[in-house]
Amino acid sequence: MFYIQVVRQRRGGKAPSTSKPSEVETRNEKSSKFAKTKTIEYISNTQQVYYLERRLFC
């Protein structure tokens, strides 16, 4: 979730006006993929920690 918010904030106004739309779209697509990957990784790690702690303390 955090990574998606960071990407959205970056999109806010940092795109240079002289860039071609295809370059900007490519960068946004890469940023979105990175954010999605990191979010999935974070969720997976959180679930794993929850599972391991539950086994440890229950």
PDB file of N, CA and C in Angstrom:
ATOM      1  N   MET A   1       0.820  -1.189   0.000  1.00  0.00           N
ATOM      2  CA  MET A   1       0.000   0.000   0.000  1.00  0.00           C
ATOM      3  C   MET A   1       0.866   1.256   0.000  1.00  0.00           C
ATOM      4  N   PHE A   2       1.873   1.248   0.814  1.00  0.00           N
ATOM      5  CA  PHE A   2       2.743   2.416   0.919  1.00  0.00           C
ATOM      6  C   PHE A   2       3.389   2.738  -0.422  1.00  0.00           C
ATOM      7  N   TYR A   3       3.832   1.708  -1.135  1.00  0.00           N
ATOM      8  CA  TYR A   3       4.532   1.927  -2.394  1.00  0.00           C
ATOM      9  C   TYR A   3       3.612   2.533  -3.445  1.00  0.00           C
ATOM     10  N   ILE A   4       2.350   2.118  -3.450  1.00  0.00           N
ATOM     11  CA  ILE A   4       1.393   2.679  -4.397  1.00  0.00           C
ATOM     12  C   ILE A   4       1.189   4.157  -4.114  1.00  0.00           C
ATOM     13  N   GLN A   5       1.127   4.536  -2.845  1.00  0.00           N
ATOM     14  CA  GLN A   5       0.980   5.944  -2.496  1.00  0.00           C
ATOM     15  C   GLN A   5       2.182   6.750  -2.956  1.00  0.00           C
ATOM     16  N   VAL A   6       3.373   6.200  -2.818  1.00  0.00           N
ATOM     17  CA  VAL A   6       4.588   6.896  -3.248  1.00  0.00           C
ATOM     18  C   VAL A   6       4.558   7.123  -4.749  1.00  0.00           C
ATOM     19  N   VAL A   7       4.159   6.106  -5.502  1.00  0.00           N
ATOM     20  CA  VAL A   7       4.104   6.242  -6.957  1.00  0.00           C
ATOM     21  C   VAL A   7       3.082   7.293  -7.345  1.00  0.00           C
ATOM     22  N   ARG A   8       1.949   7.302  -6.697  1.00  0.00           N
ATOM     23  CA  ARG A   8       0.927   8.301  -7.015  1.00  0.00           C
ATOM     24  C   ARG A   8       1.414   9.707  -6.706  1.00  0.00           C
ATOM     25  N   GLN A   9       2.172   9.872  -5.631  1.00  0.00           N
ATOM     26  CA  GLN A   9       2.713  11.182  -5.300  1.00  0.00           C
ATOM     27  C   GLN A   9       3.741  11.610  -6.338  1.00  0.00           C
ATOM     28  N   ARG A  10       4.533  10.687  -6.825  1.00  0.00           N
ATOM     29  CA  ARG A  10       5.537  11.006  -7.846  1.00  0.00           C
ATOM     30  C   ARG A  10       4.890  11.452  -9.139  1.00  0.00           C
ATOM     31  N   ARG A  11       3.753  10.895  -9.455  1.00  0.00           N
ATOM     32  CA  ARG A  11       3.059  11.255 -10.688  1.00  0.00           C
ATOM     33  C   ARG A  11       2.473  12.662 -10.617  1.00  0.00           C
ATOM     34  N   GLY A  12       2.326  13.179  -9.412  1.00  0.00           N
ATOM     35  CA  GLY A  12       1.646  14.444  -9.193  1.00  0.00           C
ATOM     36  C   GLY A  12       2.074  15.592 -10.074  1.00  0.00           C
ATOM     37  N   GLY A  13       3.331  15.820 -10.337  1.00  0.00           N
ATOM     38  CA  GLY A  13       3.706  16.954 -11.156  1.00  0.00           C
ATOM     39  C   GLY A  13       5.152  16.931 -11.578  1.00  0.00           C
ATOM     40  N   LYS A  14       5.790  15.810 -11.465  1.00  0.00           N
ATOM     41  CA  LYS A  14       7.207  15.754 -11.790  1.00  0.00           C
ATOM     42  C   LYS A  14       7.478  15.369 -13.242  1.00  0.00           C
ATOM     43  N   ALA A  15       6.470  15.069 -14.002  1.00  0.00           N
ATOM     44  CA  ALA A  15       6.699  14.698 -15.391  1.00  0.00           C
ATOM     45  C   ALA A  15       7.088  15.941 -16.181  1.00  0.00           C
ATOM     46  N   PRO A  16       8.245  15.943 -16.806  1.00  0.00           N
ATOM     47  CA  PRO A  16       8.663  17.115 -17.568  1.00  0.00           C
ATOM     48  C   PRO A  16       7.768  17.329 -18.779  1.00  0.00           C
ATOM     49  N   SER A  17       7.523  18.572 -19.099  1.00  0.00           N
ATOM     50  CA  SER A  17       6.608  18.892 -20.186  1.00  0.00           C
ATOM     51  C   SER A  17       7.212  18.583 -21.550  1.00  0.00           C
ATOM     52  N   THR A  18       8.543  18.460 -21.641  1.00  0.00           N
ATOM     53  CA  THR A  18       9.200  18.188 -22.917  1.00  0.00           C
ATOM     54  C   THR A  18       9.290  16.705 -23.230  1.00  0.00           C
ATOM     55  N   SER A  19       8.916  15.843 -22.298  1.00  0.00           N
ATOM     56  CA  SER A  19       8.990  14.397 -22.529  1.00  0.00           C
ATOM     57  C   SER A  19       7.911  13.958 -23.504  1.00  0.00           C
ATOM     58  N   LYS A  20       8.231  12.933 -24.245  1.00  0.00           N
ATOM     59  CA  LYS A  20       7.242  12.345 -25.137  1.00  0.00           C
ATOM     60  C   LYS A  20       6.254  11.546 -24.295  1.00  0.00           C
ATOM     61  N   PRO A  21       5.001  11.515 -24.694  1.00  0.00           N
ATOM     62  CA  PRO A  21       4.009  10.737 -23.925  1.00  0.00           C
ATOM     63  C   PRO A  21       4.402   9.274 -23.764  1.00  0.00           C
ATOM     64  N   SER A  22       5.036   8.696 -24.758  1.00  0.00           N
ATOM     65  CA  SER A  22       5.395   7.282 -24.654  1.00  0.00           C
ATOM     66  C   SER A  22       6.428   7.054 -23.552  1.00  0.00           C
ATOM     67  N   GLU A  23       7.368   7.992 -23.385  1.00  0.00           N
ATOM     68  CA  GLU A  23       8.367   7.866 -22.322  1.00  0.00           C
ATOM     69  C   GLU A  23       7.710   7.959 -20.951  1.00  0.00           C
ATOM     70  N   VAL A  24       6.797   8.892 -20.815  1.00  0.00           N
ATOM     71  CA  VAL A  24       6.100   9.070 -19.539  1.00  0.00           C
ATOM     72  C   VAL A  24       5.243   7.848 -19.231  1.00  0.00           C
ATOM     73  N   GLU A  25       4.552   7.358 -20.236  1.00  0.00           N
ATOM     74  CA  GLU A  25       3.722   6.169 -20.032  1.00  0.00           C
ATOM     75  C   GLU A  25       4.572   4.967 -19.642  1.00  0.00           C
ATOM     76  N   THR A  26       5.723   4.828 -20.280  1.00  0.00           N
ATOM     77  CA  THR A  26       6.624   3.720 -19.955  1.00  0.00           C
ATOM     78  C   THR A  26       7.106   3.822 -18.519  1.00  0.00           C
ATOM     79  N   ARG A  27       7.490   5.018 -18.105  1.00  0.00           N
ATOM     80  CA  ARG A  27       7.968   5.216 -16.737  1.00  0.00           C
ATOM     81  C   ARG A  27       6.853   4.946 -15.735  1.00  0.00           C
ATOM     82  N   ASN A  28       5.644   5.430 -16.025  1.00  0.00           N
ATOM     83  CA  ASN A  28       4.512   5.191 -15.129  1.00  0.00           C
ATOM     84  C   ASN A  28       4.182   3.707 -15.037  1.00  0.00           C
ATOM     85  N   GLU A  29       4.285   3.019 -16.166  1.00  0.00           N
ATOM     86  CA  GLU A  29       4.011   1.581 -16.164  1.00  0.00           C
ATOM     87  C   GLU A  29       5.045   0.837 -15.323  1.00  0.00           C
ATOM     88  N   LYS A  30       6.311   1.207 -15.465  1.00  0.00           N
ATOM     89  CA  LYS A  30       7.363   0.578 -14.667  1.00  0.00           C
ATOM     90  C   LYS A  30       7.162   0.874 -13.185  1.00  0.00           C
ATOM     91  N   SER A  31       6.804   2.116 -12.869  1.00  0.00           N
ATOM     92  CA  SER A  31       6.567   2.490 -11.474  1.00  0.00           C
ATOM     93  C   SER A  31       5.387   1.718 -10.897  1.00  0.00           C
ATOM     94  N   SER A  32       4.347   1.577 -11.691  1.00  0.00           N
ATOM     95  CA  SER A  32       3.169   0.841 -11.233  1.00  0.00           C
ATOM     96  C   SER A  32       3.495  -0.631 -10.995  1.00  0.00           C
ATOM     97  N   LYS A  33       4.271  -1.218 -11.912  1.00  0.00           N
ATOM     98  CA  LYS A  33       4.660  -2.620 -11.735  1.00  0.00           C
ATOM     99  C   LYS A  33       5.525  -2.789 -10.496  1.00  0.00           C
ATOM    100  N   PHE A  34       6.450  -1.857 -10.280  1.00  0.00           N
ATOM    101  CA  PHE A  34       7.307  -1.907  -9.096  1.00  0.00           C
ATOM    102  C   PHE A  34       6.468  -1.794  -7.831  1.00  0.00           C
ATOM    103  N   ALA A  35       5.533  -0.850  -7.824  1.00  0.00           N
ATOM    104  CA  ALA A  35       4.674  -0.658  -6.657  1.00  0.00           C
ATOM    105  C   ALA A  35       3.834  -1.902  -6.385  1.00  0.00           C
ATOM    106  N   LYS A  36       3.297  -2.485  -7.439  1.00  0.00           N
ATOM    107  CA  LYS A  36       2.475  -3.684  -7.270  1.00  0.00           C
ATOM    108  C   LYS A  36       3.312  -4.842  -6.732  1.00  0.00           C
ATOM    109  N   THR A  37       4.512  -5.010  -7.274  1.00  0.00           N
ATOM    110  CA  THR A  37       5.402  -6.079  -6.819  1.00  0.00           C
ATOM    111  C   THR A  37       5.754  -5.912  -5.351  1.00  0.00           C
ATOM    112  N   LYS A  38       6.108  -4.695  -4.955  1.00  0.00           N
ATOM    113  CA  LYS A  38       6.490  -4.440  -3.566  1.00  0.00           C
ATOM    114  C   LYS A  38       5.301  -4.606  -2.626  1.00  0.00           C
ATOM    115  N   THR A  39       4.120  -4.215  -3.070  1.00  0.00           N
ATOM    116  CA  THR A  39       2.928  -4.374  -2.241  1.00  0.00           C
ATOM    117  C   THR A  39       2.614  -5.852  -2.033  1.00  0.00           C
ATOM    118  N   ILE A  40       2.700  -6.638  -3.093  1.00  0.00           N
ATOM    119  CA  ILE A  40       2.465  -8.083  -2.982  1.00  0.00           C
ATOM    120  C   ILE A  40       3.501  -8.717  -2.061  1.00  0.00           C
ATOM    121  N   GLU A  41       4.751  -8.292  -2.199  1.00  0.00           N
ATOM    122  CA  GLU A  41       5.821  -8.814  -1.336  1.00  0.00           C
ATOM    123  C   GLU A  41       5.545  -8.468   0.129  1.00  0.00           C
ATOM    124  N   TYR A  42       5.112  -7.242   0.385  1.00  0.00           N
ATOM    125  CA  TYR A  42       4.809  -6.807   1.750  1.00  0.00           C
ATOM    126  C   TYR A  42       3.665  -7.628   2.339  1.00  0.00           C
ATOM    127  N   ILE A  43       2.609  -7.819   1.566  1.00  0.00           N
ATOM    128  CA  ILE A  43       1.460  -8.594   2.044  1.00  0.00           C
ATOM    129  C   ILE A  43       1.875 -10.035   2.326  1.00  0.00           C
ATOM    130  N   SER A  44       2.664 -10.602   1.440  1.00  0.00           N
ATOM    131  CA  SER A  44       3.134 -11.977   1.627  1.00  0.00           C
ATOM    132  C   SER A  44       3.970 -12.105   2.897  1.00  0.00           C
ATOM    133  N   ASN A  45       4.869 -11.164   3.099  1.00  0.00           N
ATOM    134  CA  ASN A  45       5.706 -11.187   4.303  1.00  0.00           C
ATOM    135  C   ASN A  45       4.866 -11.021   5.564  1.00  0.00           C
ATOM    136  N   THR A  46       3.873 -10.149   5.510  1.00  0.00           N
ATOM    137  CA  THR A  46       2.995  -9.933   6.657  1.00  0.00           C
ATOM    138  C   THR A  46       2.223 -11.204   6.988  1.00  0.00           C
ATOM    139  N   GLN A  47       1.714 -11.866   5.965  1.00  0.00           N
ATOM    140  CA  GLN A  47       0.981 -13.113   6.184  1.00  0.00           C
ATOM    141  C   GLN A  47       1.889 -14.191   6.760  1.00  0.00           C
ATOM    142  N   GLN A  48       3.111 -14.261   6.274  1.00  0.00           N
ATOM    143  CA  GLN A  48       4.050 -15.266   6.769  1.00  0.00           C
ATOM    144  C   GLN A  48       4.398 -15.008   8.230  1.00  0.00           C
ATOM    145  N   VAL A  49       4.633 -13.758   8.585  1.00  0.00           N
ATOM    146  CA  VAL A  49       4.952 -13.414   9.973  1.00  0.00           C
ATOM    147  C   VAL A  49       3.769 -13.742  10.871  1.00  0.00           C
ATOM    148  N   TYR A  50       2.557 -13.405  10.437  1.00  0.00           N
ATOM    149  CA  TYR A  50       1.365 -13.711  11.220  1.00  0.00           C
ATOM    150  C   TYR A  50       1.255 -15.215  11.455  1.00  0.00           C
ATOM    151  N   TYR A  51       1.463 -15.997  10.394  1.00  0.00           N
ATOM    152  CA  TYR A  51       1.370 -17.452  10.504  1.00  0.00           C
ATOM    153  C   TYR A  51       2.420 -17.995  11.469  1.00  0.00           C
ATOM    154  N   LEU A  52       3.653 -17.538  11.334  1.00  0.00           N
ATOM    155  CA  LEU A  52       4.732 -18.045  12.188  1.00  0.00           C
ATOM    156  C   LEU A  52       4.544 -17.632  13.644  1.00  0.00           C
ATOM    157  N   GLU A  53       4.114 -16.392  13.873  1.00  0.00           N
ATOM    158  CA  GLU A  53       3.882 -15.946  15.251  1.00  0.00           C
ATOM    159  C   GLU A  53       2.710 -16.685  15.867  1.00  0.00           C
ATOM    160  N   ARG A  54       1.709 -16.951  15.074  1.00  0.00           N
ATOM    161  CA  ARG A  54       0.547 -17.678  15.580  1.00  0.00           C
ATOM    162  C   ARG A  54       0.952 -19.084  16.013  1.00  0.00           C
ATOM    163  N   ARG A  55       1.780 -19.740  15.211  1.00  0.00           N
ATOM    164  CA  ARG A  55       2.254 -21.084  15.571  1.00  0.00           C
ATOM    165  C   ARG A  55       3.134 -21.031  16.811  1.00  0.00           C
ATOM    166  N   LEU A  56       3.896 -19.963  16.955  1.00  0.00           N
ATOM    167  CA  LEU A  56       4.833 -19.848  18.061  1.00  0.00           C
ATOM    168  C   LEU A  56       4.117 -19.602  19.386  1.00  0.00           C
ATOM    169  N   PHE A  57       3.089 -18.751  19.382  1.00  0.00           N
ATOM    170  CA  PHE A  57       2.464 -18.321  20.633  1.00  0.00           C
ATOM    171  C   PHE A  57       1.152 -19.019  20.951  1.00  0.00           C
ATOM    172  N   CYS A  58       0.623 -19.838  20.055  1.00  0.00           N
ATOM    173  CA  CYS A  58      -0.652 -20.514  20.345  1.00  0.00           C
ATOM    174  C   CYS A  58      -0.452 -21.959  20.696  1.00  0.00           C
TER     175      CYS A  58
END
